[in-house]
Protein backbone atom coordinates (compact mmCIF):
# COMPACT_ATOMS: atom_id res chain seq x y z
CA MET A 1 -16.73 -4.61 -4.61
CA ASN A 2 -14.91 -5.01 -1.45
CA ASP A 3 -17.09 -3.40 1.69
CA PHE A 4 -14.08 -3.18 3.71
CA LEU A 5 -12.82 -0.25 1.65
CA LYS A 6 -15.75 1.77 3.15
CA SER A 7 -16.37 0.19 6.42
CA LEU A 8 -13.33 -1.06 8.24
CA PRO A 9 -10.38 1.19 9.24
CA ILE A 10 -7.12 -0.12 7.73
CA ALA A 11 -4.00 -0.24 9.56
CA HIS A 12 -0.90 1.38 7.76
CA ARG A 13 1.87 -1.24 7.53
CA GLY A 14 0.12 -2.88 10.02
CA LEU A 15 -0.49 -2.07 13.53
CA HIS A 16 2.97 -0.93 14.27
CA ASP A 17 4.21 1.17 17.33
CA GLU A 18 7.77 1.99 19.13
CA ARG A 19 7.91 -1.87 19.94
CA LEU A 20 6.38 -3.28 16.74
CA PRO A 21 8.19 -2.29 13.54
CA GLU A 22 5.99 -1.32 10.42
CA ASN A 23 5.27 -3.93 7.88
CA SER A 24 6.51 -6.58 10.57
CA LEU A 25 4.77 -9.82 11.27
CA SER A 26 4.32 -8.76 14.78
CA ALA A 27 2.58 -5.49 13.59
CA PHE A 28 0.40 -7.55 11.21
CA ARG A 29 -0.54 -10.06 14.01
CA ALA A 30 -1.41 -6.94 16.07
CA ALA A 31 -3.87 -5.52 13.32
CA ILE A 32 -5.57 -8.84 13.13
CA GLU A 33 -5.81 -9.02 17.09
CA SER A 34 -7.41 -6.07 16.91
CA GLY A 35 -9.54 -6.71 13.76
CA TYR A 36 -8.40 -4.05 11.47
CA ALA A 37 -7.86 -4.19 7.72
CA ILE A 38 -4.18 -4.26 6.68
CA GLU A 39 -2.42 -1.92 4.74
CA THR A 40 1.07 -2.97 3.43
CA ASP A 41 3.55 -2.76 0.72
CA VAL A 42 5.11 -5.34 -2.02
CA ARG A 43 8.11 -4.94 -4.16
CA PHE A 44 10.60 -6.99 -6.18
CA THR A 45 14.06 -7.81 -4.71
CA LYS A 46 16.96 -8.20 -7.34
CA ASP A 47 16.15 -11.98 -8.03
CA LYS A 48 12.57 -11.06 -8.60
CA LYS A 49 11.07 -12.43 -5.38
CA LEU A 50 8.34 -10.24 -3.49
CA ILE A 51 8.87 -8.72 -0.26
CA VAL A 52 6.85 -6.58 1.96
CA PHE A 53 8.71 -3.44 2.34
CA HIS A 54 7.83 0.22 1.72
CA ASP A 55 11.14 2.37 0.96
CA ASP A 56 13.27 2.14 -1.94
CA SER A 57 16.12 2.17 0.55
CA LEU A 58 16.82 -0.19 3.32
CA LEU A 59 18.54 2.42 5.38
CA ARG A 60 15.91 4.00 7.26
CA VAL A 61 14.54 0.64 8.91
CA THR A 62 17.48 -1.77 8.70
CA GLY A 63 20.46 0.64 8.83
CA ASP A 64 21.61 -0.92 5.57
CA GLY A 65 22.22 1.72 2.77
CA ARG A 66 21.46 -0.39 -0.27
CA PRO A 67 18.60 -0.14 -2.35
CA ALA A 68 16.09 -3.03 -1.69
CA GLN A 69 15.87 -3.62 -5.49
CA ASP A 70 19.90 -4.35 -5.60
CA CYS A 71 19.56 -7.34 -2.84
CA THR A 72 18.40 -10.63 -3.07
CA LEU A 73 15.67 -12.41 -1.06
CA GLU A 74 18.58 -14.18 0.85
CA GLU A 75 20.52 -11.02 1.54
CA ILE A 76 17.35 -9.13 2.64
CA SER A 77 16.11 -12.18 4.80
CA ARG A 78 19.37 -11.49 7.22
CA LEU A 79 18.41 -7.91 7.95
CA ARG A 80 16.44 -6.76 11.11
CA LEU A 81 13.85 -3.99 11.48
CA MET A 82 14.36 -1.24 13.62
CA GLY A 83 17.09 -2.86 16.04
CA THR A 84 14.31 -5.77 16.83
CA ARG A 85 14.45 -9.31 15.81
CA GLU A 86 11.82 -8.82 13.14
CA HIS A 87 12.95 -9.27 9.65
CA ILE A 88 11.54 -8.21 6.36
CA PRO A 89 8.81 -10.74 5.05
CA ALA A 90 8.54 -12.36 1.88
CA PHE A 91 5.26 -11.70 0.65
CA SER A 92 4.31 -15.27 0.60
CA GLU A 93 5.15 -15.13 4.30
CA PHE A 94 2.83 -12.35 5.09
CA LEU A 95 0.16 -14.21 3.31
CA GLU A 96 0.45 -17.02 5.13
CA THR A 97 0.52 -15.09 8.63
CA VAL A 98 -2.76 -13.13 7.68
CA ALA A 99 -4.34 -16.14 6.10
CA GLY A 100 -7.66 -14.41 5.13
CA ARG A 101 -8.52 -13.53 8.66
CA VAL A 102 -8.63 -9.66 7.88
CA PRO A 103 -8.93 -7.65 4.54
CA LEU A 104 -5.76 -6.52 2.99
CA LEU A 105 -5.35 -3.42 0.84
CA ILE A 106 -1.76 -4.06 -0.93
CA GLU A 107 0.23 -1.21 -2.44
CA ILE A 108 2.28 -2.06 -5.21
CA LYS A 109 5.36 0.26 -5.06
CA SER A 110 6.73 2.21 -8.08
CA MET A 111 10.07 0.37 -9.46
CA PRO A 112 12.18 1.62 -12.16
CA GLY A 113 12.41 -0.92 -15.04
CA VAL A 114 9.70 -3.02 -13.72
CA SER A 115 6.56 -3.22 -16.11
CA GLY A 116 3.03 -3.27 -14.90
CA ARG A 117 2.35 -6.46 -16.61
CA GLU A 118 5.62 -7.93 -15.05
CA ILE A 119 4.58 -7.00 -11.41
CA ALA A 120 1.12 -7.71 -11.79
CA GLU A 121 1.66 -11.07 -12.77
CA ALA A 122 3.65 -11.92 -9.97
CA VAL A 123 1.52 -10.51 -7.63
CA ALA A 124 -1.36 -11.98 -8.80
CA GLU A 125 0.20 -15.55 -8.93
CA GLU A 126 1.20 -15.10 -5.28
CA LEU A 127 -2.44 -14.49 -4.66
CA GLU A 128 -4.05 -16.89 -6.76
CA SER A 129 -5.26 -19.26 -3.94
CA TYR A 130 -5.00 -16.80 -0.98
CA PRO A 131 -8.33 -17.41 1.13
CA GLY A 132 -9.04 -13.77 1.91
CA GLU A 133 -10.46 -10.53 0.66
CA TYR A 134 -7.92 -7.98 -0.72
CA ALA A 135 -7.55 -4.81 -2.94
CA ILE A 136 -5.06 -3.49 -4.78
CA GLN A 137 -3.62 0.06 -4.95
CA SER A 138 -0.50 1.82 -6.43
CA PHE A 139 0.98 5.27 -7.38
CA GLN A 140 2.00 3.85 -10.60
CA PRO A 141 -1.40 3.93 -12.92
CA PHE A 142 0.06 1.39 -15.28
CA TYR A 143 0.45 -1.10 -12.37
CA VAL A 144 -3.23 -0.63 -11.64
CA LYS A 145 -4.15 -1.06 -14.99
CA ALA A 146 -2.30 -4.33 -15.49
CA TYR A 147 -3.86 -5.89 -12.54
CA LYS A 148 -7.28 -4.83 -13.26
CA ARG A 149 -6.70 -6.58 -16.65
CA LEU A 150 -5.42 -9.90 -14.90
CA ARG A 151 -8.31 -9.89 -12.29
CA ARG A 152 -11.40 -7.97 -13.15
CA ASN A 153 -12.83 -9.25 -9.89
CA VAL A 154 -10.35 -7.42 -7.65
CA ALA A 155 -10.78 -3.82 -6.53
CA CYS A 156 -7.92 -1.85 -7.87
CA GLY A 157 -7.24 1.79 -6.82
CA LEU A 158 -5.01 4.94 -7.40
CA LEU A 159 -2.86 6.49 -4.91
CA ALA A 160 -2.41 10.22 -5.00
CA SER A 161 -1.79 13.50 -3.31
CA ALA A 162 -1.15 17.12 -4.25
CA SER A 163 2.24 16.55 -2.67
CA THR A 164 3.85 13.58 -3.97
CA LYS A 165 7.68 12.77 -4.17
CA LYS A 166 10.23 11.43 -6.48
CA GLU A 167 10.37 8.44 -4.60
CA ASP A 168 6.77 7.78 -4.90
CA PHE A 169 7.46 7.08 -8.55
CA GLY A 170 10.42 4.93 -8.18
CA ASN A 171 12.75 8.01 -8.69
CA SER A 172 11.33 8.35 -12.45
CA PRO A 173 13.13 11.48 -14.18
CA PHE A 174 9.63 12.19 -15.41
CA TRP A 175 8.10 12.10 -11.91
CA ARG A 176 7.07 16.06 -11.70
CA PHE A 177 4.77 15.13 -14.77
CA GLU A 178 3.70 11.85 -13.41
CA SER A 179 2.80 13.71 -10.09
CA PHE A 180 0.62 16.30 -11.95
CA VAL A 181 -1.34 13.77 -13.96
CA LEU A 182 -2.02 11.99 -10.60
CA ARG A 183 -2.69 14.70 -8.53
CA ASN A 184 -5.34 15.83 -10.70
CA LEU A 185 -6.39 12.13 -11.63
CA LEU A 186 -6.07 12.76 -15.36
CA LEU A 187 -5.73 8.88 -15.87
CA ASN A 188 -9.02 7.87 -14.43
CA PHE A 189 -10.58 7.84 -17.95
CA THR A 190 -8.14 4.90 -18.88
CA VAL A 191 -7.28 3.31 -15.60
CA LYS A 192 -10.73 3.18 -14.45
CA PRO A 193 -9.95 3.16 -10.73
CA ASP A 194 -12.51 1.14 -8.50
CA PHE A 195 -11.39 3.55 -5.43
CA ILE A 196 -9.14 6.52 -4.55
CA SER A 197 -6.43 6.67 -1.77
CA TYR A 198 -5.92 10.37 -1.44
CA ARG A 199 -3.73 12.39 0.92
CA PHE A 200 -5.97 13.69 3.94
CA GLU A 201 -3.97 16.72 4.25
CA ASP A 202 -4.75 17.59 0.44
CA LEU A 203 -8.45 17.25 0.81
CA PRO A 204 -10.62 18.56 -0.20
CA ARG A 205 -10.04 18.31 -3.99
CA ARG A 206 -12.75 18.73 -6.71
CA ARG A 207 -11.68 15.89 -8.69
CA VAL A 208 -11.60 13.34 -5.62
CA ALA A 209 -15.06 14.97 -4.51
CA GLY A 210 -16.23 14.09 -8.10
CA PHE A 211 -15.06 10.70 -8.09
CA LYS A 212 -18.16 7.86 -7.65
CA GLY A 213 -16.32 5.14 -5.96
CA PRO A 214 -14.90 4.60 -2.50
CA LYS A 215 -12.63 7.47 -1.45
CA LEU A 216 -9.76 6.44 1.05
CA ALA A 217 -7.82 8.95 3.34
CA TRP A 218 -4.29 8.50 4.05
CA THR A 219 -2.40 8.75 6.53
CA VAL A 220 -4.48 9.60 9.42
CA ARG A 221 -2.63 9.86 12.90
CA SER A 222 -5.31 11.13 15.32
CA LYS A 223 -8.86 11.25 16.35
CA ALA A 224 -8.51 15.00 15.04
CA ASP A 225 -7.15 13.82 11.83
CA GLU A 226 -9.79 11.38 11.27
CA THR A 227 -12.76 13.76 12.03
CA ARG A 228 -11.15 15.85 9.18
CA ALA A 229 -10.54 13.02 7.09
CA ARG A 230 -13.97 11.36 7.17
CA ALA A 231 -15.65 15.05 6.17
CA TYR A 232 -14.23 14.07 2.47
CA ALA A 233 -13.47 10.17 2.82
CA ASP A 234 -15.41 7.05 3.20
CA ASN A 235 -12.54 5.34 5.06
CA ILE A 236 -9.11 5.96 6.42
CA ILE A 237 -5.84 4.36 6.52
CA PHE A 238 -4.20 5.12 9.99
CA GLU A 239 -1.59 4.59 12.31
CA GLY A 240 -0.37 5.69 15.78
CA TYR A 241 -3.72 5.34 17.45
CA HIS A 242 -6.57 3.01 17.62
CA PRO A 243 -9.96 4.37 15.65
CA GLU A 244 -13.21 3.13 16.29
CA LYS A 245 -14.94 0.24 13.98
CA GLU A 246 -18.28 0.46 12.97
């Protein structure tokens, strides 16, 4: 299993700051230069291309109010992040930029109408010849299960918290039930996650403490938060400061 999940701090959406937008190639290069692992997000466009982008809507980081899933890759490539010259990377472009230099923690975003098999096959195909170490995670348990079936040698984990939002489940009408199930890790018996990523403010949790695999805490934004998180987790997903590496 991937040692980095326990040992190397993971930069949330790259090492972004007021100059370098989240999930931009510049933020990823900054994380590489600092020697941190990288956490990022992957989702489909309208034409079923994979992009590196967190939100359902393009509004917050580009000013365009459309859902990302309603736009083609060509349309998205013309947008700019946070008023900079940085663009939204295609997943393939992101992988070419990192090129195995640091480990990756890739979150597959929950998307309405997208099955686990469909997204897992698309992500796995892009990663087929990738030379570096990576792990997969998602709030959507069946995405995790689908990826584990395809790539049994890849660490796959569940994202969870005690206070998830509708957007975390692709705006599913059943999100409250899904949130309850995930919050209490009730699908662990069928998904069999290799690790768990849990919101650090919600720790400790009895079911998290009882999990035998690596436990990650997100999103840690200060040394004080890190101290609290590490009391209950093996590693952190961080932003806004530079944690020490082992």
